[in-house]
Amino acid sequence: MSNKKPYNSYSDYFSKIFGGRVQKLTLDAGFTCPNRDGTKGVNGCIFCDNNAFNPSYCMPEKSITTQLLEGIEFHQKRYRRAVSYLAYFQAYSNTYADIETLREKYLEALGVPNVIGLVIGTRPDCITEEICKLLAELSKEKYVAVEIGIESIYDKTLQTVHRGHDFNEAVQALNLLKKYNLKTGGHFIFGLPDETPEDWMKALPIINKLPLDTIKFHQLQLIKNTEIEKLYQTQPERFFRMNMPEYIQFIVNFTEQLNPDFVIERFAGEVPPRYLSDANWGIIRYDLVLREIEAEFAKRESFQGKRYTI
């Protein structure tokens, strides 16, 4: 646990590993997804619009090197303390290609000056033994982490949002990655159709046993022109939506019972307001949300894992 924060923070985690601030640089490497190319579907998950979280410099028409150099230039102006960078393969499924294509793209990213590692976002059904071997090879020299979009432990929910995989596939993918001693992350969304805070709290004992190094939480954000926006417009009763004060109470309750070994990358999501169909929280930056969460921990004199049980 960090001496500075009441939870294991992502920034402190990297400071311990690398001795200073490390900045992730988002990439769009031009990958697709089995939920978009017809293998499992063509329209993607019902909540998905990658444009909502891609920085302006992230365009697949640009080379990986160009995107990273533009990202470094941007962050040097905004975060002057950052001297090292991680190439964050974020858009779509970044292990969904033949092994030589993956090797070429990963090595190009690692060849950019001051890029010291990779963070690779992908789906559970896009992890194979061959891919793990490649990543394990790269991890001998550089930092390599794989972030899996899990979203929910409930298979009924995963079917509703058209994920195209079940929860057990996420468990299998994480176990396979750990077999090769790779760093693992998991992503969850609170607010998907037909789920309630009681369901999310009941999921905790299962989540706590996952072989994760890092974990990321997002509240459901309704993005314009997505299928989930249409579902909400026609069947709002299927959605449990919290305002920001309610979410802060929930996420602190949740974190008090969360595995204290997990490093928390994010407590909530943030997208540009122009993409939001329903700005449930108004236009509030994540920095403010985080301050409110930390204030609630302080008010309770609490911390991550305070009520954790094995």
Protein backbone atom coordinates (compact mmCIF):
# COMPACT_ATOMS: atom_id res chain seq x y z
CA MET A 1 0.00 0.00 0.00
CA SER A 2 1.25 3.44 -0.90
CA ASN A 3 2.30 5.72 1.95
CA LYS A 4 0.68 8.60 0.08
CA LYS A 5 -2.71 7.18 -0.86
CA PRO A 6 -5.28 4.90 0.77
CA TYR A 7 -5.08 2.52 -2.20
CA ASN A 8 -2.47 1.00 -4.47
CA SER A 9 -2.18 3.69 -7.12
CA TYR A 10 -0.98 3.12 -10.66
CA SER A 11 1.43 6.07 -10.54
CA ASP A 12 3.06 4.85 -7.32
CA TYR A 13 3.30 1.35 -8.80
CA PHE A 14 5.35 2.64 -11.73
CA SER A 15 7.44 4.89 -9.50
CA LYS A 16 8.46 1.85 -7.48
CA ILE A 17 9.34 -0.13 -10.62
CA PHE A 18 11.06 2.59 -12.63
CA GLY A 19 12.04 5.18 -10.02
CA GLY A 20 10.03 8.04 -11.51
CA ARG A 21 6.96 9.10 -13.44
CA VAL A 22 6.04 6.94 -16.43
CA GLN A 23 3.40 8.08 -18.94
CA LYS A 24 1.25 5.79 -21.07
CA LEU A 25 0.96 6.84 -24.73
CA THR A 26 -2.22 5.66 -26.39
CA LEU A 27 -1.93 4.05 -29.83
CA ASP A 28 -4.31 3.03 -32.58
CA ALA A 29 -2.31 0.40 -34.43
CA GLY A 30 -5.06 -0.44 -36.91
CA PHE A 31 -6.23 -3.68 -35.34
CA THR A 32 -9.80 -4.90 -35.57
CA CYS A 33 -11.79 -7.27 -33.36
CA PRO A 34 -13.50 -10.67 -33.77
CA ASN A 35 -16.68 -8.86 -32.78
CA ARG A 36 -16.34 -6.56 -35.80
CA ASP A 37 -14.78 -8.56 -38.62
CA GLY A 38 -17.57 -11.12 -38.78
CA THR A 39 -15.86 -13.86 -36.80
CA LYS A 40 -18.24 -13.35 -33.88
CA GLY A 41 -20.10 -10.20 -34.87
CA VAL A 42 -19.97 -7.11 -37.05
CA ASN A 43 -21.10 -4.23 -34.86
CA GLY A 44 -18.89 -4.72 -31.81
CA CYS A 45 -19.98 -4.60 -28.19
CA ILE A 46 -23.10 -2.48 -27.71
CA PHE A 47 -21.25 0.12 -25.59
CA CYS A 48 -18.20 0.50 -27.82
CA ASP A 49 -16.96 3.57 -29.68
CA ASN A 50 -13.17 3.72 -29.66
CA ASN A 51 -13.18 7.32 -30.93
CA ALA A 52 -14.57 8.39 -27.55
CA PHE A 53 -11.31 7.65 -25.75
CA ASN A 54 -8.65 7.95 -28.45
CA PRO A 55 -6.53 11.13 -28.27
CA SER A 56 -6.51 13.26 -31.40
CA TYR A 57 -3.03 12.11 -32.44
CA CYS A 58 -4.15 8.45 -32.50
CA MET A 59 -4.95 7.62 -36.09
CA PRO A 60 -4.23 4.24 -37.68
CA GLU A 61 -3.21 6.04 -40.87
CA LYS A 62 -0.14 7.26 -38.97
CA SER A 63 2.71 4.92 -38.19
CA ILE A 64 3.17 3.68 -34.65
CA THR A 65 6.40 5.67 -34.45
CA THR A 66 4.66 8.89 -35.54
CA GLN A 67 1.84 8.43 -33.04
CA LEU A 68 4.30 7.82 -30.21
CA LEU A 69 6.48 10.81 -31.09
CA GLU A 70 3.42 13.08 -31.28
CA GLY A 71 2.22 11.63 -27.97
CA ILE A 72 5.58 12.32 -26.34
CA GLU A 73 5.51 15.91 -27.62
CA PHE A 74 1.99 16.39 -26.24
CA HIS A 75 2.77 14.94 -22.83
CA GLN A 76 6.06 16.79 -22.47
CA LYS A 77 4.05 20.00 -22.52
CA ARG A 78 1.38 18.69 -20.14
CA TYR A 79 3.39 16.46 -17.79
CA ARG A 80 6.93 17.77 -17.63
CA ARG A 81 8.01 15.20 -15.05
CA ALA A 82 7.51 12.27 -17.43
CA VAL A 83 10.77 11.07 -18.97
CA SER A 84 9.83 7.47 -19.75
CA TYR A 85 6.87 6.15 -21.68
CA LEU A 86 4.82 3.01 -22.21
CA ALA A 87 3.28 2.31 -25.60
CA TYR A 88 -0.39 1.66 -24.86
CA PHE A 89 -2.01 -0.42 -27.62
CA GLN A 90 -5.58 0.53 -26.74
CA ALA A 91 -7.96 0.65 -29.71
CA TYR A 92 -9.82 -2.60 -30.40
CA SER A 93 -8.10 -5.98 -29.86
CA ASN A 94 -4.33 -5.60 -29.92
CA THR A 95 -3.39 -9.26 -30.00
CA TYR A 96 -5.76 -10.02 -32.87
CA ALA A 97 -3.40 -10.62 -35.79
CA ASP A 98 -0.85 -13.11 -37.01
CA ILE A 99 2.22 -13.46 -34.84
CA GLU A 100 4.63 -11.74 -37.26
CA THR A 101 2.38 -8.70 -37.58
CA LEU A 102 2.20 -8.48 -33.80
CA ARG A 103 5.95 -8.83 -33.45
CA GLU A 104 6.56 -6.10 -36.03
CA LYS A 105 4.19 -3.62 -34.38
CA TYR A 106 5.40 -4.28 -30.83
CA LEU A 107 9.06 -3.99 -31.84
CA GLU A 108 8.41 -0.74 -33.72
CA ALA A 109 6.91 0.74 -30.57
CA LEU A 110 9.81 -0.46 -28.42
CA GLY A 111 12.25 1.09 -30.88
CA VAL A 112 11.06 4.64 -30.16
CA PRO A 113 13.43 6.51 -27.80
CA ASN A 114 12.36 6.57 -24.14
CA VAL A 115 9.63 3.95 -24.69
CA ILE A 116 10.41 1.41 -21.99
CA GLY A 117 7.56 -1.04 -22.37
CA LEU A 118 4.18 -2.09 -23.70
CA VAL A 119 0.66 -2.13 -22.31
CA ILE A 120 -1.57 -4.17 -24.60
CA GLY A 121 -5.35 -3.99 -24.41
CA THR A 122 -7.24 -6.97 -25.79
CA ARG A 123 -10.08 -9.47 -25.36
CA PRO A 124 -10.01 -12.81 -23.52
CA ASP A 125 -10.61 -14.74 -26.75
CA CYS A 126 -7.58 -13.15 -28.44
CA ILE A 127 -4.93 -14.71 -26.19
CA THR A 128 -3.10 -17.83 -27.37
CA GLU A 129 -0.06 -19.79 -26.28
CA GLU A 130 1.88 -18.46 -29.28
CA ILE A 131 1.07 -14.85 -28.36
CA CYS A 132 2.06 -15.45 -24.75
CA LYS A 133 5.41 -16.83 -25.89
CA LEU A 134 6.06 -13.71 -27.97
CA LEU A 135 5.13 -11.40 -25.09
CA ALA A 136 7.22 -13.41 -22.64
CA GLU A 137 10.18 -13.06 -24.99
CA LEU A 138 9.74 -9.28 -25.13
CA SER A 139 9.25 -9.06 -21.36
CA LYS A 140 12.78 -10.34 -20.76
CA GLU A 141 14.08 -6.92 -21.84
CA LYS A 142 11.10 -4.55 -21.45
CA TYR A 143 8.04 -4.04 -19.28
CA VAL A 144 5.06 -5.86 -20.82
CA ALA A 145 1.51 -5.90 -19.45
CA VAL A 146 -1.71 -7.21 -20.97
CA GLU A 147 -5.05 -5.61 -20.07
CA ILE A 148 -8.07 -7.85 -20.57
CA GLY A 149 -11.55 -6.42 -21.08
CA ILE A 150 -13.55 -8.54 -18.65
CA GLU A 151 -16.40 -6.03 -18.07
CA SER A 152 -18.58 -8.36 -15.94
CA ILE A 153 -18.38 -11.75 -14.25
CA TYR A 154 -21.98 -12.47 -15.25
CA ASP A 155 -22.41 -14.42 -18.50
CA LYS A 156 -25.97 -13.16 -18.97
CA THR A 157 -24.63 -9.60 -19.01
CA LEU A 158 -21.84 -10.51 -21.42
CA GLN A 159 -24.45 -11.97 -23.77
CA THR A 160 -26.64 -8.87 -23.47
CA VAL A 161 -23.80 -6.52 -24.44
CA HIS A 162 -22.67 -8.86 -27.25
CA ARG A 163 -19.19 -9.50 -25.92
CA GLY A 164 -18.90 -12.80 -27.78
CA HIS A 165 -17.17 -14.57 -24.89
CA ASP A 166 -18.04 -15.75 -21.40
CA PHE A 167 -16.40 -15.03 -18.06
CA ASN A 168 -14.59 -18.36 -17.98
CA GLU A 169 -12.70 -17.38 -21.12
CA ALA A 170 -11.40 -14.34 -19.25
CA VAL A 171 -10.22 -16.56 -16.40
CA GLN A 172 -8.52 -18.92 -18.85
CA ALA A 173 -6.79 -16.03 -20.65
CA LEU A 174 -5.48 -14.56 -17.39
CA ASN A 175 -4.22 -17.95 -16.24
CA LEU A 176 -2.44 -18.48 -19.55
CA LEU A 177 -0.76 -15.08 -19.32
CA LYS A 178 0.35 -15.85 -15.76
CA LYS A 179 1.74 -19.18 -16.91
CA TYR A 180 4.26 -17.06 -18.82
CA ASN A 181 4.81 -14.67 -15.87
CA LEU A 182 3.27 -11.73 -17.71
CA LYS A 183 1.77 -8.68 -16.00
CA THR A 184 -2.02 -8.73 -16.19
CA GLY A 185 -4.76 -6.13 -15.89
CA GLY A 186 -8.54 -6.39 -15.85
CA HIS A 187 -11.24 -3.90 -16.86
CA PHE A 188 -14.77 -3.81 -15.38
CA ILE A 189 -17.82 -1.66 -16.12
CA PHE A 190 -20.39 -0.77 -13.45
CA GLY A 191 -23.85 -0.04 -14.82
CA LEU A 192 -24.37 -2.58 -17.59
CA PRO A 193 -27.98 -3.66 -18.26
CA ASP A 194 -29.81 -5.67 -15.59
CA GLU A 195 -27.00 -5.39 -13.03
CA THR A 196 -27.26 -3.68 -9.64
CA PRO A 197 -24.79 -2.59 -6.96
CA GLU A 198 -25.73 -5.75 -5.07
CA ASP A 199 -24.58 -7.81 -8.07
CA TRP A 200 -21.29 -5.92 -8.17
CA MET A 201 -20.62 -6.47 -4.48
CA LYS A 202 -21.45 -10.18 -4.84
CA ALA A 203 -18.86 -10.37 -7.61
CA LEU A 204 -16.06 -9.22 -5.30
CA PRO A 205 -14.99 -12.63 -3.93
CA ILE A 206 -14.63 -13.89 -7.50
CA ILE A 207 -12.79 -10.80 -8.74
CA ASN A 208 -10.46 -10.89 -5.72
CA LYS A 209 -9.23 -14.35 -6.72
CA LEU A 210 -8.35 -13.42 -10.30
CA PRO A 211 -4.63 -13.46 -11.18
CA LEU A 212 -4.44 -9.70 -11.71
CA ASP A 213 -1.67 -7.19 -11.11
CA THR A 214 -3.76 -4.13 -12.01
CA ILE A 215 -7.47 -3.38 -12.22
CA LYS A 216 -9.51 -0.62 -13.86
CA PHE A 217 -13.10 0.43 -13.16
CA HIS A 218 -15.44 2.55 -15.28
CA GLN A 219 -18.97 3.66 -14.67
CA LEU A 220 -21.18 3.07 -17.69
CA GLN A 221 -21.05 6.07 -20.00
CA LEU A 222 -23.72 6.24 -22.68
CA ILE A 223 -21.97 7.15 -25.92
CA LYS A 224 -23.92 8.68 -28.77
CA ASN A 225 -24.99 6.39 -31.61
CA THR A 226 -24.14 3.17 -29.78
CA GLU A 227 -26.54 0.26 -29.38
CA ILE A 228 -26.52 0.68 -25.62
CA GLU A 229 -27.74 4.27 -26.03
CA LYS A 230 -30.71 2.95 -28.03
CA LEU A 231 -31.37 0.26 -25.41
CA TYR A 232 -31.35 2.85 -22.63
CA GLN A 233 -33.73 5.10 -24.55
CA THR A 234 -36.26 2.30 -24.98
CA GLN A 235 -35.74 0.32 -21.73
CA PRO A 236 -34.26 2.65 -19.08
CA GLU A 237 -35.66 0.45 -16.30
CA ARG A 238 -32.94 -2.11 -17.09
CA PHE A 239 -30.19 0.29 -16.02
CA PHE A 240 -29.08 1.18 -12.49
CA ARG A 241 -27.50 4.61 -12.86
CA MET A 242 -25.72 6.42 -10.04
CA ASN A 243 -24.98 10.11 -9.78
CA MET A 244 -21.44 11.02 -8.81
CA PRO A 245 -21.96 11.18 -5.00
CA GLU A 246 -23.69 7.78 -5.10
CA TYR A 247 -20.90 6.31 -7.21
CA ILE A 248 -18.24 7.62 -4.82
CA GLN A 249 -19.97 5.93 -1.89
CA PHE A 250 -20.25 2.71 -3.87
CA ILE A 251 -16.68 2.62 -5.20
CA VAL A 252 -15.19 3.28 -1.76
CA ASN A 253 -17.36 0.51 -0.29
CA PHE A 254 -16.20 -1.75 -3.12
CA THR A 255 -12.52 -0.87 -2.69
CA GLU A 256 -12.65 -1.49 1.05
CA GLN A 257 -13.37 -5.13 0.19
CA LEU A 258 -11.03 -5.32 -2.81
CA ASN A 259 -7.88 -7.45 -2.81
CA PRO A 260 -5.24 -5.09 -1.34
CA ASP A 261 -2.60 -6.46 -3.71
CA PHE A 262 -4.36 -5.17 -6.82
CA VAL A 263 -3.00 -1.92 -8.24
CA ILE A 264 -5.89 0.37 -9.17
CA GLU A 265 -5.37 2.10 -12.49
CA ARG A 266 -8.68 4.00 -12.56
CA PHE A 267 -11.80 4.28 -10.41
CA ALA A 268 -13.97 5.83 -13.13
CA GLY A 269 -14.03 6.69 -16.81
CA GLU A 270 -13.97 9.97 -18.65
CA VAL A 271 -14.73 10.74 -22.29
CA PRO A 272 -15.03 14.07 -24.11
CA PRO A 273 -18.49 15.55 -23.42
CA ARG A 274 -19.32 15.76 -27.12
CA TYR A 275 -19.55 11.95 -27.22
CA LEU A 276 -21.93 11.60 -24.29
CA SER A 277 -25.57 10.90 -24.95
CA ASP A 278 -26.48 11.38 -21.30
CA ALA A 279 -23.99 13.33 -19.19
CA ASN A 280 -25.21 11.78 -15.97
CA TRP A 281 -22.42 13.40 -13.92
CA GLY A 282 -22.32 16.60 -15.88
CA ILE A 283 -18.98 17.74 -17.27
CA ILE A 284 -16.64 16.60 -14.50
CA ARG A 285 -12.97 15.75 -14.99
CA TYR A 286 -11.60 12.53 -13.56
CA ASP A 287 -9.16 14.47 -11.37
CA LEU A 288 -12.11 15.90 -9.44
CA VAL A 289 -13.75 12.48 -9.11
CA LEU A 290 -10.49 11.08 -7.78
CA ARG A 291 -10.16 13.87 -5.21
CA GLU A 292 -13.68 13.16 -4.00
CA ILE A 293 -12.91 9.44 -3.69
CA GLU A 294 -9.75 10.13 -1.73
CA ALA A 295 -11.65 12.55 0.51
CA GLU A 296 -14.22 9.85 1.25
CA PHE A 297 -11.45 7.41 2.20
CA ALA A 298 -10.00 10.06 4.52
CA LYS A 299 -13.41 10.80 6.04
CA ARG A 300 -13.87 7.13 6.85
CA GLU A 301 -10.23 6.68 7.89
CA SER A 302 -10.32 3.77 5.50
CA PHE A 303 -8.23 2.18 2.75
CA GLN A 304 -8.18 -0.48 0.04
CA GLY A 305 -8.74 -3.94 1.51
CA LYS A 306 -9.79 -2.72 4.96
CA ARG A 307 -12.69 -5.19 4.90
CA TYR A 308 -11.06 -7.71 2.55
CA THR A 309 -11.53 -11.36 3.46
CA ILE A 310 -9.87 -14.32 1.75
